[in-house]
Protein backbone atom coordinates (compact mmCIF):
# COMPACT_ATOMS: atom_id res chain seq x y z
CA MET A 1 -23.66 2.81 -0.28
CA ASP A 2 -22.43 5.85 1.64
CA GLY A 3 -19.25 6.85 3.46
CA VAL A 4 -19.98 4.58 6.40
CA ALA A 5 -19.28 1.52 4.26
CA LYS A 6 -15.89 2.89 3.21
CA LYS A 7 -15.01 3.78 6.79
CA ILE A 8 -15.84 0.29 8.06
CA ARG A 9 -13.91 -1.41 5.28
CA TRP A 10 -10.87 0.84 5.59
CA SER A 11 -10.68 0.25 9.34
CA ARG A 12 -9.78 -3.39 8.60
CA PHE A 13 -6.41 -2.26 7.21
CA LEU A 14 -5.39 -0.31 10.33
CA GLU A 15 -4.50 -1.42 13.84
CA PRO A 16 -7.18 0.28 15.97
CA ARG A 17 -5.01 1.76 18.71
CA SER A 18 -2.31 3.33 16.56
CA GLY A 19 -4.35 3.90 13.41
CA ARG A 20 -1.47 2.50 11.31
CA GLY A 21 -1.04 -0.60 9.22
CA ILE A 22 1.30 -3.08 7.56
CA ILE A 23 -0.04 -4.07 4.15
CA VAL A 24 1.71 -6.84 2.22
CA PRO A 25 1.31 -6.76 -1.58
CA ILE A 26 1.66 -10.12 -3.32
CA ASP A 27 0.63 -9.02 -6.82
CA HIS A 28 4.13 -9.40 -8.26
CA GLY A 29 3.50 -12.60 -10.24
CA LEU A 30 1.48 -10.94 -13.00
CA THR A 31 4.21 -8.36 -13.59
CA ILE A 32 7.41 -10.37 -13.31
CA GLY A 33 6.26 -13.99 -13.33
CA PRO A 34 7.24 -16.66 -10.79
CA ILE A 35 9.07 -15.00 -7.91
CA ASP A 36 10.89 -16.45 -4.92
CA GLY A 37 8.66 -16.39 -1.85
CA LEU A 38 5.37 -16.48 -3.76
CA ASP A 39 6.08 -19.65 -5.71
CA SER A 40 3.77 -21.90 -3.67
CA MET A 41 0.81 -21.69 -1.28
CA THR A 42 2.89 -23.58 1.26
CA ARG A 43 5.46 -20.80 1.45
CA ILE A 44 2.82 -18.08 1.61
CA ALA A 45 0.99 -19.93 4.38
CA ARG A 46 4.09 -19.75 6.61
CA TRP A 47 3.77 -16.00 7.16
CA ILE A 48 0.42 -14.72 5.88
CA GLY A 49 -1.35 -15.37 9.19
CA HIS A 50 1.03 -13.18 11.22
CA PRO A 51 -0.96 -10.82 13.49
CA GLY A 52 1.15 -7.83 12.42
CA ILE A 53 -0.28 -7.93 8.90
CA THR A 54 -3.32 -5.70 8.56
CA GLY A 55 -3.90 -6.14 4.82
CA ILE A 56 -3.03 -8.12 1.70
CA VAL A 57 -3.01 -6.86 -1.91
CA ALA A 58 -3.44 -9.49 -4.62
CA HIS A 59 -4.91 -10.04 -8.05
CA LYS A 60 -8.32 -11.69 -8.22
CA GLY A 61 -7.02 -15.18 -9.03
CA MET A 62 -4.74 -15.26 -6.00
CA VAL A 63 -7.46 -13.86 -3.73
CA GLU A 64 -9.73 -16.72 -4.79
CA ARG A 65 -7.05 -19.35 -4.25
CA LEU A 66 -5.88 -17.98 -0.91
CA GLY A 67 -9.43 -17.51 0.31
CA SER A 68 -10.40 -21.06 -0.60
CA ARG A 69 -7.58 -22.26 1.67
CA ASN A 70 -8.71 -20.04 4.58
CA LEU A 71 -5.51 -18.00 4.36
CA LEU A 72 -7.21 -14.59 4.30
CA ARG A 73 -8.98 -14.70 7.63
CA ARG A 74 -8.61 -11.64 9.88
CA VAL A 75 -6.82 -9.41 7.34
CA GLY A 76 -8.12 -6.68 5.08
CA VAL A 77 -8.33 -7.92 1.50
CA MET A 78 -7.49 -5.56 -1.36
CA VAL A 79 -7.94 -6.63 -4.99
CA GLN A 80 -5.50 -5.17 -7.52
CA LEU A 81 -7.51 -3.90 -10.49
CA ASN A 82 -4.86 -3.29 -13.12
CA GLY A 83 -1.47 -4.48 -14.27
CA MET A 84 0.84 -5.36 -17.12
CA THR A 85 3.60 -7.91 -17.59
CA SER A 86 7.22 -6.83 -17.77
CA LEU A 87 7.29 -8.63 -21.15
CA ALA A 88 5.06 -6.01 -22.76
CA PRO A 89 6.37 -3.23 -25.06
CA GLU A 90 5.00 -0.64 -22.62
CA PRO A 91 5.19 -2.27 -19.17
CA ASP A 92 4.45 1.01 -17.38
CA ARG A 93 1.08 1.32 -19.11
CA LYS A 94 -1.04 -0.61 -16.63
CA GLU A 95 -4.37 -1.76 -18.07
CA ARG A 96 -7.61 -2.38 -16.19
CA LEU A 97 -7.99 -6.15 -15.74
CA THR A 98 -11.03 -6.62 -13.53
CA SER A 99 -14.04 -4.85 -12.06
CA ILE A 100 -14.87 -3.61 -8.60
CA GLU A 101 -17.99 -5.80 -8.64
CA THR A 102 -15.71 -8.82 -9.07
CA ALA A 103 -13.63 -7.61 -6.14
CA LEU A 104 -16.78 -7.37 -4.02
CA ARG A 105 -17.86 -10.87 -4.99
CA LEU A 106 -14.47 -12.12 -3.82
CA GLY A 107 -14.98 -10.45 -0.42
CA ALA A 108 -12.64 -7.50 -0.93
CA ASP A 109 -12.55 -4.67 1.60
CA ALA A 110 -10.78 -2.28 -0.80
CA VAL A 111 -9.29 -2.05 -4.28
CA SER A 112 -5.96 -0.81 -5.55
CA LEU A 113 -4.44 0.21 -8.82
CA GLN A 114 -0.90 1.03 -9.89
CA ILE A 115 -0.10 4.05 -12.02
CA ASN A 116 3.46 4.45 -13.30
CA PHE A 117 4.13 7.83 -14.91
CA ASP A 118 6.67 7.50 -17.73
CA GLY A 119 6.18 10.95 -19.28
CA LYS A 120 3.88 9.67 -22.05
CA ASN A 121 0.96 8.03 -20.27
CA ASP A 122 -0.42 10.77 -18.00
CA ALA A 123 -3.83 10.88 -19.70
CA HIS A 124 -4.19 7.10 -19.57
CA ASN A 125 -3.29 6.98 -15.89
CA LEU A 126 -5.52 9.82 -14.75
CA THR A 127 -8.51 8.66 -16.80
CA GLN A 128 -8.21 5.18 -15.34
CA LEU A 129 -7.91 6.46 -11.78
CA GLY A 130 -10.89 8.78 -12.18
CA ALA A 131 -13.07 5.95 -13.48
CA VAL A 132 -11.99 3.59 -10.67
CA VAL A 133 -12.74 6.15 -7.98
CA ASP A 134 -16.21 6.84 -9.41
CA GLU A 135 -17.04 3.13 -9.53
CA ALA A 136 -15.64 2.46 -6.07
CA GLN A 137 -17.51 5.40 -4.58
CA ARG A 138 -20.82 4.02 -5.84
CA LEU A 139 -20.11 0.64 -4.24
CA GLY A 140 -18.55 1.88 -0.99
CA LEU A 141 -14.97 0.61 -1.40
CA PRO A 142 -11.80 2.55 -0.53
CA VAL A 143 -9.18 3.01 -3.25
CA LEU A 144 -5.40 2.73 -2.75
CA THR A 145 -3.31 4.24 -5.55
CA MET A 146 0.20 2.85 -5.99
CA LEU A 147 1.96 5.88 -7.45
CA TYR A 148 5.36 5.64 -9.13
CA ASP A 149 7.11 8.38 -11.09
CA LYS A 150 9.52 6.92 -13.67
CA VAL A 151 10.53 10.24 -15.28
CA PRO A 152 14.22 11.12 -14.70
CA CYS A 153 14.73 14.29 -12.66
CA ASP A 154 17.66 16.59 -12.01
CA GLY A 155 18.11 16.10 -8.28
CA GLU A 156 15.98 15.04 -5.33
CA GLU A 157 14.21 18.38 -4.93
CA ALA A 158 12.96 18.31 -8.51
CA ARG A 159 11.84 14.71 -8.06
CA ALA A 160 9.97 15.61 -4.89
CA ARG A 161 8.21 18.51 -6.64
CA ARG A 162 7.04 16.24 -9.43
CA LEU A 163 5.88 13.59 -7.00
CA ARG A 164 3.94 16.08 -4.89
CA HIS A 165 2.19 17.28 -8.06
CA LEU A 166 1.25 13.71 -8.97
CA MET A 167 0.12 12.99 -5.41
CA ARG A 168 -2.12 16.04 -5.50
CA ALA A 169 -3.55 14.92 -8.84
CA CYS A 170 -4.53 11.59 -7.29
CA VAL A 171 -6.10 13.36 -4.33
CA GLU A 172 -8.02 15.67 -6.66
CA LEU A 173 -9.47 12.60 -8.37
CA GLY A 174 -10.59 11.12 -5.06
CA THR A 175 -8.14 8.39 -4.08
CA ASP A 176 -8.42 7.45 -0.41
CA ALA A 177 -4.83 6.29 0.10
CA LEU A 178 -1.46 6.40 -1.61
CA LYS A 179 1.47 4.02 -1.75
CA LEU A 180 4.79 5.67 -2.60
CA ALA A 181 8.37 4.58 -3.03
CA ALA A 182 10.48 5.82 -0.15
CA PRO A 183 12.68 8.75 -1.23
CA THR A 184 16.40 8.13 -1.60
CA ASP A 185 16.97 11.05 0.75
CA ILE A 186 14.88 10.36 3.85
CA ALA A 187 14.95 14.09 4.60
CA GLN A 188 12.38 14.48 1.79
CA LEU A 189 9.73 12.60 3.82
CA PRO A 190 8.27 15.68 5.58
CA SER A 191 7.81 17.59 2.32
CA LEU A 192 6.05 14.61 0.71
CA LEU A 193 3.68 14.21 3.65
CA ASP A 194 3.04 17.85 4.46
CA GLY A 195 -0.50 18.98 3.74
CA ILE A 196 -1.53 15.55 2.43
CA ARG A 197 -1.31 13.12 5.33
CA GLU A 198 -4.02 15.04 7.17
CA HIS A 199 -6.67 13.84 4.72
CA THR A 200 -5.10 10.95 2.79
CA SER A 201 -3.48 7.79 4.18
CA ILE A 202 0.08 7.46 2.86
CA PHE A 203 1.98 4.18 2.91
CA PHE A 204 5.59 3.72 1.84
CA ALA A 205 6.89 0.76 -0.12
CA GLY A 206 9.68 -1.45 1.11
CA GLY A 207 11.30 -1.59 -2.32
CA GLU A 208 14.11 -3.99 -3.18
CA VAL A 209 15.20 -6.44 -0.52
CA CYS A 210 17.41 -4.64 2.00
CA SER A 211 18.83 -5.47 5.39
CA GLU A 212 16.37 -5.81 8.24
CA GLY A 213 18.06 -2.89 9.97
CA GLN A 214 17.41 -0.65 6.96
CA LEU A 215 13.80 -1.80 6.79
CA LEU A 216 13.19 -1.08 10.47
CA GLU A 217 14.83 2.33 10.15
CA LEU A 218 12.52 3.15 7.24
CA ALA A 219 9.54 2.06 9.33
CA THR A 220 10.71 4.21 12.24
CA GLN A 221 11.07 7.29 10.03
CA VAL A 222 7.77 7.01 8.16
CA VAL A 223 5.89 6.52 11.43
CA ALA A 224 7.70 9.42 13.07
CA TYR A 225 6.70 11.76 10.23
CA GLY A 226 3.05 10.70 10.32
CA ALA A 227 2.62 8.19 7.49
CA ALA A 228 -0.07 5.53 7.80
CA GLY A 229 2.45 2.69 7.67
CA LEU A 230 4.22 0.41 5.22
CA CYS A 231 3.11 -1.46 2.12
CA VAL A 232 5.96 -3.94 1.95
CA GLY A 233 6.21 -7.14 -0.10
CA ARG A 234 9.61 -8.59 -1.00
CA ASN A 235 11.13 -7.45 2.29
CA VAL A 236 8.61 -9.76 3.94
CA PHE A 237 7.98 -12.77 1.74
CA GLN A 238 11.56 -13.14 0.49
CA ARG A 239 13.05 -13.39 3.98
CA ALA A 240 14.00 -16.74 5.45
CA ALA A 241 12.50 -15.68 8.79
CA ALA A 242 9.57 -13.60 7.54
CA THR A 243 7.55 -13.95 10.74
CA ASP A 244 10.44 -12.62 12.85
CA THR A 245 10.75 -9.56 10.60
CA LEU A 246 6.99 -9.01 10.77
CA THR A 247 7.08 -9.11 14.56
CA ARG A 248 9.75 -6.42 14.67
CA LEU A 249 7.91 -4.31 12.07
CA GLN A 250 4.75 -4.65 14.11
CA GLU A 251 6.51 -3.25 17.17
CA VAL A 252 7.68 -0.20 15.23
CA VAL A 253 4.61 0.54 13.11
CA TRP A 254 2.04 -0.10 15.83
CA GLY A 255 4.11 1.73 18.42
CA GLY A 256 5.56 -1.30 20.22
CA LYS A 257 4.86 -2.55 23.69
CA GLY A 258 6.44 -1.30 26.87
CA GLU A 259 10.17 -0.80 27.05
CA ARG A 260 10.84 -2.76 23.87
CA ALA A 261 9.75 0.24 21.76
CA ALA A 262 11.08 3.01 23.97
CA HIS A 263 13.87 3.87 21.54
CA HIS A 264 11.47 4.47 18.65
CA LYS A 265 10.24 7.97 17.87
CA PRO A 266 6.55 8.48 18.66
CA SER A 267 4.14 9.00 15.78
CA PRO A 268 2.70 12.49 15.56
CA ILE A 269 -0.55 11.38 13.95
CA ASP A 270 -3.88 11.18 15.75
CA THR A 271 -4.21 7.75 17.36
CA ARG A 272 -7.93 7.89 17.97
CA ALA A 273 -10.20 5.38 16.23
CA PRO A 274 -9.32 5.85 12.54
CA GLU A 275 -11.71 7.58 10.19
CA MET A 276 -11.74 7.48 6.43
CA PRO A 277 -9.58 10.44 5.35
CA ARG A 278 -11.26 13.10 3.25
CA PHE A 279 -9.94 16.03 1.23
CA GLY A 280 -11.08 19.44 2.27
C-alpha cells in the first residue's frame, strides 16, 4: 500500500474544514486498572457518539467490544500497540502487545504507541518505534506516538530542549503524529511546535482532570499556535456532563460557528483539505 492509503485513513481523525481533531484515548484500563468513566459500556455509550469526537484510541480488546456494540461508527479507530501495567517493576518500559495486522483485522484506521523516556530505556523506545513505523508503512497505516519525558530537568527551558530532541528523534524514525503533555508554562508552546508542526501533526494531552475553563483555555492556545488538536481522555470521560464539554471543545478546536466562537483566536494552520504530513 502507498501513501494514498495513509492519507485516506488519517483524514478520518480530522474535521475536514479546519483540519483539526479531538481524539479521545480510552486505553487507561491496561495501565491503571478499572477507572471511573470507563468502568462499563453503558457509561462509555453516553458520550462516545458525540459528533465532536474525531477519533478513539483503545487496546484491541476494547476495540472489539465497542465495535461489536456499534459504538465506533463514524469515528477514526486507533489501536494502541504497546503498554505496561502500573504494577510492573518498570512501568515506563512499554512492551509491544499486538500487531498492526491485528489492528487492521479489527478495522483500525491508525495505530499508536506510547514511549515514556525514563533515562534508561532510550534504546528500547527507539527500537520499538522504528519497527512499528516500518511495519505500518508497509500496510498503509498512520502512526501516532504518545511521547512522554519522565527525566527530571532543571527548569522549563531545559525540559523543552529535551522534549524537542525527543520529538525530532520520533520524526526521524517516521512517526506521522505526536501526542505530548501540555507544558506547565504555556509560553513554551511555540518553541515545541516550531519547525515540526509543518510536517507532523501534534496533539496535546488533557492530562489530569482540571476545570472546564482550564481545558477550554488549553484548547484555545494549542489551536492558536497551530497544533492539530487535543488527545484528551479523563477530561472527557470523567465528567458528569461529558457531552456538554465535548460540544464546547468542538467549538474551540474546529473553529466554532458564527458569533459563538468570535472570542477565540484563529488557528494559523492551513485549513485546506488535510494531507498526510511528511518530513522534508
